[in-house]
């Protein structure tokens, strides 16, 4: 009877979630052992974004929400009611708002700053450098890439086959699996 129960528990864990595109060590490294949002994400768009930029954000939110079981992501119309802001500004404009971030934002297309209380992400700021992204036709990729960071995923040395590599404008199967695992009930 004990063997049957253990077998059933093992099979249940495989049926509930089966991933094939990453190891658990890689997952734990990319998520810093499970750092994530526990409350809904409310995103405000700030600055000089285009209709295409806002549509990319909405499309990414919809894709994330299909994969996430524990929270919801939505756009809000008021910065005060948000816990995440995507700043569509040049480096200079962003540095005027956040002077202490100058060394971080120079010469990068986008950057995400997550604020934590223990392992819970409670706030996020994303800077999309509209000058660099426009120059290199990279805005959609930068938005999706940085929004993936917003969820709690970070770079690791051996990453491959991921939006984190920046060579794709869509989430890969690996990315979708990692989101589903991190935000599984």
Protein backbone atom coordinates (compact mmCIF):
# COMPACT_ATOMS: atom_id res chain seq x y z
CA UNK A 1 0.00 0.00 0.00
CA UNK A 2 2.84 2.38 0.85
CA UNK A 3 4.46 1.74 -2.57
CA UNK A 4 1.17 2.42 -4.33
CA UNK A 5 0.73 5.77 -2.53
CA UNK A 6 4.29 6.84 -3.33
CA UNK A 7 3.83 5.84 -6.96
CA UNK A 8 0.58 7.80 -7.17
CA UNK A 9 2.19 10.87 -5.62
CA UNK A 10 5.09 10.65 -8.06
CA UNK A 11 2.82 10.22 -11.09
CA UNK A 12 0.60 13.06 -9.91
CA UNK A 13 3.57 15.45 -9.79
CA UNK A 14 4.53 14.47 -13.35
CA UNK A 15 0.96 14.89 -14.62
CA UNK A 16 0.52 18.24 -12.84
CA UNK A 17 3.62 19.76 -14.34
CA UNK A 18 6.05 18.27 -16.78
CA UNK A 19 8.82 20.48 -18.13
CA UNK A 20 11.43 19.52 -20.66
CA UNK A 21 13.28 22.70 -21.62
CA UNK A 22 15.28 23.45 -18.47
CA UNK A 23 16.66 21.81 -15.35
CA UNK A 24 15.41 22.68 -11.88
CA UNK A 25 18.89 24.03 -11.07
CA UNK A 26 18.62 26.40 -14.04
CA UNK A 27 15.08 27.39 -13.00
CA UNK A 28 16.16 28.07 -9.40
CA UNK A 29 19.07 30.17 -10.65
CA UNK A 30 16.96 32.19 -13.11
CA UNK A 31 14.28 32.86 -10.43
CA UNK A 32 16.75 33.25 -7.54
CA UNK A 33 15.06 30.28 -5.86
CA UNK A 34 11.49 31.40 -6.49
CA UNK A 35 11.37 35.19 -6.21
CA UNK A 36 7.99 36.24 -7.61
CA UNK A 37 4.90 38.40 -7.25
CA UNK A 38 2.27 37.32 -4.71
CA UNK A 39 -0.11 40.20 -5.49
CA UNK A 40 -1.62 41.32 -8.77
CA UNK A 41 0.61 43.40 -11.03
CA UNK A 42 -0.78 46.79 -12.02
CA UNK A 43 1.23 48.41 -14.81
CA UNK A 44 1.22 52.09 -15.75
CA UNK A 45 2.77 53.27 -19.03
CA UNK A 46 4.73 56.51 -18.75
CA UNK A 47 6.43 58.66 -21.36
CA UNK A 48 6.67 58.61 -25.14
CA UNK A 49 5.22 55.26 -26.11
CA UNK A 50 3.59 54.53 -29.45
CA UNK A 51 0.34 52.71 -30.16
CA UNK A 52 2.49 49.74 -31.26
CA UNK A 53 4.36 49.85 -27.93
CA UNK A 54 1.12 49.81 -25.93
CA UNK A 55 -0.23 46.95 -28.07
CA UNK A 56 2.97 44.95 -27.40
CA UNK A 57 2.48 45.51 -23.66
CA UNK A 58 -1.19 44.43 -23.84
CA UNK A 59 -0.35 41.36 -25.93
CA UNK A 60 2.41 40.37 -23.48
CA UNK A 61 0.10 40.87 -20.49
CA UNK A 62 -2.53 38.65 -22.16
CA UNK A 63 0.04 35.95 -22.87
CA UNK A 64 1.36 36.09 -19.29
CA UNK A 65 -2.15 35.94 -17.81
CA UNK A 66 -2.89 32.75 -19.77
CA UNK A 67 0.14 31.10 -18.14
CA UNK A 68 -0.18 32.45 -14.59
CA UNK A 69 -2.52 30.82 -12.07
CA UNK A 70 -1.80 32.81 -8.90
CA UNK A 71 -1.99 36.50 -9.86
CA UNK A 72 -3.40 38.77 -12.56
CA UNK A 73 -1.64 41.47 -14.58
CA UNK A 74 -3.43 44.56 -15.84
CA UNK A 75 -2.81 48.04 -17.19
CA UNK A 76 -3.98 50.94 -15.04
CA UNK A 77 -4.62 54.56 -16.02
CA UNK A 78 -3.14 56.14 -12.91
CA UNK A 79 0.47 55.91 -11.74
CA UNK A 80 -0.65 56.12 -8.09
CA UNK A 81 -2.70 52.93 -8.45
CA UNK A 82 0.18 51.01 -10.04
CA UNK A 83 2.90 48.85 -8.53
CA UNK A 84 4.85 48.73 -11.80
CA UNK A 85 5.74 51.47 -14.26
CA UNK A 86 7.16 51.09 -17.75
CA UNK A 87 9.05 54.27 -18.60
CA UNK A 88 9.35 54.95 -22.33
CA UNK A 89 12.04 57.63 -22.16
CA UNK A 90 15.50 58.44 -23.42
CA UNK A 91 18.35 57.68 -21.03
CA UNK A 92 18.69 61.39 -20.24
CA UNK A 93 15.00 61.77 -19.38
CA UNK A 94 15.04 58.67 -17.18
CA UNK A 95 18.19 59.83 -15.37
CA UNK A 96 16.48 63.16 -14.61
CA UNK A 97 13.78 61.16 -12.78
CA UNK A 98 16.21 58.69 -11.16
CA UNK A 99 19.73 60.19 -11.04
CA UNK A 100 21.15 57.31 -8.98
CA UNK A 101 20.47 54.91 -11.88
CA UNK A 102 22.72 56.71 -14.39
CA UNK A 103 25.46 54.07 -14.54
CA UNK A 104 22.88 51.30 -15.02
CA UNK A 105 20.92 52.78 -17.91
CA UNK A 106 23.65 54.17 -20.15
CA UNK A 107 24.02 52.18 -23.38
CA UNK A 108 21.32 49.61 -22.73
CA UNK A 109 18.00 49.23 -24.53
CA UNK A 110 16.04 48.39 -21.41
CA UNK A 111 16.46 47.60 -17.75
CA UNK A 112 14.16 46.33 -15.01
CA UNK A 113 14.36 47.14 -11.31
CA UNK A 114 12.31 44.87 -9.05
CA UNK A 115 11.79 45.77 -5.38
CA UNK A 116 11.53 42.87 -2.93
CA UNK A 117 10.23 42.16 0.52
CA UNK A 118 11.97 38.89 1.28
CA UNK A 119 11.30 36.74 -1.83
CA UNK A 120 8.17 38.65 -2.85
CA UNK A 121 8.37 41.20 -5.66
CA UNK A 122 6.28 44.17 -4.57
CA UNK A 123 7.20 46.88 -7.08
CA UNK A 124 8.86 47.20 -10.45
CA UNK A 125 10.27 49.90 -12.72
CA UNK A 126 11.15 49.23 -16.34
CA UNK A 127 13.07 51.69 -18.46
CA UNK A 128 12.77 51.28 -22.25
CA UNK A 129 15.32 53.55 -23.95
CA UNK A 130 13.20 54.89 -26.79
CA UNK A 131 16.20 56.40 -28.59
CA UNK A 132 18.27 53.19 -28.76
CA UNK A 133 15.28 50.91 -29.34
CA UNK A 134 13.96 53.06 -32.19
CA UNK A 135 17.42 53.36 -33.74
CA UNK A 136 17.86 49.57 -33.85
CA UNK A 137 14.16 48.60 -34.35
CA UNK A 138 14.28 46.73 -31.03
CA UNK A 139 11.37 48.16 -29.04
CA UNK A 140 9.03 45.13 -29.13
CA UNK A 141 11.83 42.76 -28.12
CA UNK A 142 12.95 45.07 -25.32
CA UNK A 143 9.40 45.36 -23.95
CA UNK A 144 8.81 41.59 -23.88
CA UNK A 145 12.31 40.90 -22.53
CA UNK A 146 11.96 43.45 -19.70
CA UNK A 147 8.42 42.32 -18.85
CA UNK A 148 9.82 38.79 -18.47
CA UNK A 149 12.27 40.24 -15.92
CA UNK A 150 9.33 41.98 -14.22
CA UNK A 151 7.92 38.50 -13.44
CA UNK A 152 11.10 37.60 -11.56
CA UNK A 153 13.32 36.01 -14.18
CA UNK A 154 16.95 37.10 -14.37
CA UNK A 155 19.93 36.41 -16.57
CA UNK A 156 22.25 33.48 -15.98
CA UNK A 157 25.49 32.61 -17.77
CA UNK A 158 24.22 29.47 -19.50
CA UNK A 159 20.81 30.67 -20.66
CA UNK A 160 19.72 29.62 -24.10
CA UNK A 161 16.47 29.28 -26.01
CA UNK A 162 14.86 32.14 -24.10
CA UNK A 163 13.56 35.67 -24.56
CA UNK A 164 16.41 36.52 -22.17
CA UNK A 165 18.86 36.01 -25.02
CA UNK A 166 17.15 38.87 -26.85
CA UNK A 167 17.18 37.21 -30.26
CA UNK A 168 13.44 36.63 -30.47
CA UNK A 169 10.32 38.75 -30.29
CA UNK A 170 8.23 35.98 -28.78
CA UNK A 171 8.34 33.90 -25.65
CA UNK A 172 9.87 30.50 -26.27
CA UNK A 173 8.38 27.22 -25.08
CA UNK A 174 11.00 27.28 -22.31
CA UNK A 175 9.90 30.78 -21.21
CA UNK A 176 6.25 29.73 -21.11
CA UNK A 177 7.10 26.61 -19.07
CA UNK A 178 9.11 28.66 -16.57
CA UNK A 179 6.29 31.20 -16.12
CA UNK A 180 3.78 28.37 -15.61
CA UNK A 181 6.00 26.68 -13.03
CA UNK A 182 6.83 29.85 -11.07
CA UNK A 183 3.20 30.98 -10.92
CA UNK A 184 1.54 27.59 -10.43
CA UNK A 185 -0.99 27.18 -7.60
